[in-house]
């Protein structure tokens, strides 16, 4: 895992969230932005807060694991 917020300017990232994340208030989710070198993850409720930057292979492993559980 990369511990810095991003590789590049985080303000230029295009964030999106899953179409499956339609809870009661619509904000109980994480948002994701992809770049060539990282998958960036942030809390939908705190868009200026902390962010993770994860290697693409690690993200694929996480999504596969989460989908199975």
N, C-alpha and C. Protein backbone atom coordinates (compact mmCIF):
# COMPACT_ATOMS: atom_id res chain seq x y z
N UNK A 1 0.85 -1.18 0.00
CA UNK A 1 0.00 0.00 0.00
C UNK A 1 0.89 1.23 0.00
N UNK A 2 0.48 2.23 -0.73
CA UNK A 2 1.16 3.52 -0.76
C UNK A 2 0.51 4.39 0.30
N UNK A 3 1.30 5.02 1.16
CA UNK A 3 0.71 5.79 2.26
C UNK A 3 0.55 7.27 1.96
N UNK A 4 1.09 7.76 0.88
CA UNK A 4 0.87 9.16 0.52
C UNK A 4 -0.50 9.29 -0.14
N UNK A 5 -1.11 10.47 -0.08
CA UNK A 5 -2.46 10.62 -0.61
C UNK A 5 -2.61 10.26 -2.08
N UNK A 6 -1.62 10.57 -2.89
CA UNK A 6 -1.79 10.29 -4.31
C UNK A 6 -0.45 10.39 -5.02
N UNK A 7 -0.45 9.88 -6.22
CA UNK A 7 0.67 10.09 -7.12
C UNK A 7 0.18 11.13 -8.12
N UNK A 8 0.46 12.37 -7.87
CA UNK A 8 -0.08 13.45 -8.70
C UNK A 8 -1.00 14.31 -7.86
N UNK A 9 -1.61 15.25 -8.49
CA UNK A 9 -2.49 16.19 -7.79
C UNK A 9 -3.86 15.55 -7.57
N UNK A 10 -4.23 15.31 -6.30
CA UNK A 10 -5.50 14.65 -5.97
C UNK A 10 -6.71 15.46 -6.42
N UNK A 11 -6.56 16.77 -6.59
CA UNK A 11 -7.69 17.59 -7.01
C UNK A 11 -8.09 17.29 -8.46
N UNK A 12 -7.20 16.68 -9.22
CA UNK A 12 -7.48 16.37 -10.62
C UNK A 12 -8.10 14.99 -10.81
N UNK A 13 -8.29 14.25 -9.75
CA UNK A 13 -8.83 12.90 -9.86
C UNK A 13 -10.33 12.93 -10.16
N UNK A 14 -10.79 11.96 -10.91
CA UNK A 14 -12.22 11.82 -11.21
C UNK A 14 -12.78 10.72 -10.31
N UNK A 15 -13.53 11.12 -9.30
CA UNK A 15 -14.03 10.20 -8.29
C UNK A 15 -15.38 9.63 -8.69
N UNK A 16 -15.62 8.37 -8.32
CA UNK A 16 -16.91 7.74 -8.54
C UNK A 16 -17.18 6.74 -7.43
N UNK A 17 -18.44 6.38 -7.28
CA UNK A 17 -18.79 5.33 -6.31
C UNK A 17 -19.67 4.30 -7.00
N UNK A 18 -19.77 3.17 -6.38
CA UNK A 18 -20.52 2.06 -6.95
C UNK A 18 -21.99 2.39 -7.11
N UNK A 19 -22.59 1.89 -8.15
CA UNK A 19 -24.03 2.05 -8.33
C UNK A 19 -24.81 1.24 -7.29
N UNK A 20 -24.14 0.32 -6.61
CA UNK A 20 -24.77 -0.47 -5.55
C UNK A 20 -24.84 0.28 -4.23
N UNK A 21 -24.24 1.45 -4.14
CA UNK A 21 -24.16 2.18 -2.87
C UNK A 21 -25.29 3.19 -2.75
N UNK A 22 -26.50 2.70 -2.70
CA UNK A 22 -27.64 3.61 -2.59
C UNK A 22 -28.35 3.38 -1.26
N UNK A 23 -27.64 3.60 -0.16
CA UNK A 23 -28.24 3.46 1.16
C UNK A 23 -29.20 4.61 1.41
N UNK A 24 -29.80 4.62 2.58
CA UNK A 24 -30.81 5.63 2.90
C UNK A 24 -30.41 7.05 2.64
N UNK A 25 -29.21 7.46 3.06
CA UNK A 25 -28.82 8.85 2.86
C UNK A 25 -27.89 9.04 1.65
N UNK A 26 -27.51 7.95 1.01
CA UNK A 26 -26.70 8.06 -0.20
C UNK A 26 -25.23 8.37 0.02
N UNK A 27 -24.80 8.52 1.26
CA UNK A 27 -23.41 8.88 1.53
C UNK A 27 -22.64 7.84 2.32
N UNK A 28 -23.20 6.67 2.54
CA UNK A 28 -22.51 5.62 3.28
C UNK A 28 -21.69 4.77 2.33
N UNK A 29 -20.63 5.33 1.84
CA UNK A 29 -19.87 4.63 0.82
C UNK A 29 -18.46 5.21 0.76
N UNK A 30 -17.63 4.55 -0.02
CA UNK A 30 -16.34 5.11 -0.38
C UNK A 30 -16.39 5.49 -1.85
N UNK A 31 -15.54 6.39 -2.22
CA UNK A 31 -15.39 6.78 -3.61
C UNK A 31 -14.02 6.34 -4.08
N UNK A 32 -13.90 6.06 -5.37
CA UNK A 32 -12.67 5.56 -5.95
C UNK A 32 -12.29 6.43 -7.15
N UNK A 33 -11.02 6.65 -7.32
CA UNK A 33 -10.48 7.31 -8.51
C UNK A 33 -9.27 6.50 -8.96
N UNK A 34 -9.14 6.29 -10.24
CA UNK A 34 -8.02 5.49 -10.73
C UNK A 34 -7.03 6.34 -11.53
N UNK A 35 -5.78 5.99 -11.38
CA UNK A 35 -4.70 6.54 -12.19
C UNK A 35 -3.88 5.36 -12.68
N UNK A 36 -2.90 5.60 -13.49
CA UNK A 36 -2.08 4.49 -13.98
C UNK A 36 -1.36 3.76 -12.85
N UNK A 37 -0.92 4.49 -11.84
CA UNK A 37 -0.11 3.89 -10.79
C UNK A 37 -0.82 3.56 -9.51
N UNK A 38 -2.09 3.96 -9.35
CA UNK A 38 -2.75 3.75 -8.06
C UNK A 38 -4.26 3.81 -8.20
N UNK A 39 -4.91 3.17 -7.24
CA UNK A 39 -6.36 3.32 -7.06
C UNK A 39 -6.51 4.13 -5.78
N UNK A 40 -7.18 5.25 -5.87
CA UNK A 40 -7.35 6.17 -4.74
C UNK A 40 -8.72 5.93 -4.13
N UNK A 41 -8.78 5.90 -2.80
CA UNK A 41 -10.03 5.62 -2.09
C UNK A 41 -10.23 6.70 -1.03
N UNK A 42 -11.46 7.21 -0.92
CA UNK A 42 -11.79 8.19 0.11
C UNK A 42 -13.21 7.94 0.62
N UNK A 43 -13.51 8.51 1.77
CA UNK A 43 -14.84 8.42 2.38
C UNK A 43 -15.75 9.44 1.71
N UNK A 44 -16.91 8.99 1.27
CA UNK A 44 -17.85 9.88 0.60
C UNK A 44 -18.28 11.04 1.49
N UNK A 45 -18.37 10.79 2.80
CA UNK A 45 -18.83 11.82 3.74
C UNK A 45 -17.75 12.84 4.08
N UNK A 46 -16.49 12.54 3.77
CA UNK A 46 -15.38 13.41 4.14
C UNK A 46 -14.42 13.52 2.95
N UNK A 47 -14.86 14.18 1.89
CA UNK A 47 -14.08 14.21 0.66
C UNK A 47 -12.75 14.96 0.80
N UNK A 48 -12.61 15.80 1.79
CA UNK A 48 -11.35 16.50 2.03
C UNK A 48 -10.48 15.77 3.04
N UNK A 49 -10.99 14.68 3.58
CA UNK A 49 -10.27 13.93 4.61
C UNK A 49 -9.20 13.01 4.04
N UNK A 50 -8.77 12.06 4.85
CA UNK A 50 -7.70 11.15 4.44
C UNK A 50 -8.08 10.31 3.22
N UNK A 51 -7.08 9.95 2.47
CA UNK A 51 -7.27 9.11 1.28
C UNK A 51 -6.22 8.02 1.29
N UNK A 52 -6.57 6.90 0.70
CA UNK A 52 -5.62 5.82 0.49
C UNK A 52 -5.25 5.79 -0.98
N UNK A 53 -4.02 5.46 -1.27
CA UNK A 53 -3.59 5.20 -2.63
C UNK A 53 -3.03 3.78 -2.63
N UNK A 54 -3.67 2.90 -3.38
CA UNK A 54 -3.37 1.48 -3.35
C UNK A 54 -2.89 1.04 -4.72
N UNK A 55 -1.91 0.15 -4.74
CA UNK A 55 -1.43 -0.39 -6.01
C UNK A 55 -2.59 -1.11 -6.71
N UNK A 56 -2.70 -0.97 -8.03
CA UNK A 56 -3.81 -1.59 -8.74
C UNK A 56 -3.96 -3.09 -8.48
N UNK A 57 -2.87 -3.83 -8.40
CA UNK A 57 -2.96 -5.28 -8.14
C UNK A 57 -3.54 -5.55 -6.76
N UNK A 58 -3.19 -4.74 -5.78
CA UNK A 58 -3.74 -4.91 -4.43
C UNK A 58 -5.24 -4.61 -4.43
N UNK A 59 -5.67 -3.62 -5.19
CA UNK A 59 -7.10 -3.29 -5.28
C UNK A 59 -7.88 -4.45 -5.90
N UNK A 60 -7.34 -5.03 -6.96
CA UNK A 60 -8.00 -6.17 -7.60
C UNK A 60 -8.15 -7.32 -6.60
N UNK A 61 -7.10 -7.57 -5.82
CA UNK A 61 -7.17 -8.61 -4.80
C UNK A 61 -8.21 -8.31 -3.75
N UNK A 62 -8.28 -7.06 -3.31
CA UNK A 62 -9.27 -6.67 -2.31
C UNK A 62 -10.69 -6.83 -2.84
N UNK A 63 -10.95 -6.35 -4.03
CA UNK A 63 -12.30 -6.43 -4.60
C UNK A 63 -12.71 -7.90 -4.79
N UNK A 64 -11.79 -8.72 -5.25
CA UNK A 64 -12.10 -10.15 -5.40
C UNK A 64 -12.43 -10.79 -4.06
N UNK A 65 -11.65 -10.46 -3.03
CA UNK A 65 -11.90 -10.99 -1.70
C UNK A 65 -13.25 -10.49 -1.16
N UNK A 66 -13.52 -9.20 -1.28
CA UNK A 66 -14.75 -8.63 -0.76
C UNK A 66 -15.97 -9.21 -1.47
N UNK A 67 -15.88 -9.44 -2.76
CA UNK A 67 -17.00 -9.99 -3.52
C UNK A 67 -17.33 -11.41 -3.08
N UNK A 68 -16.32 -12.13 -2.63
CA UNK A 68 -16.52 -13.52 -2.21
C UNK A 68 -17.05 -13.64 -0.79
N UNK A 69 -17.00 -12.55 -0.05
CA UNK A 69 -17.41 -12.61 1.37
C UNK A 69 -18.56 -11.71 1.57
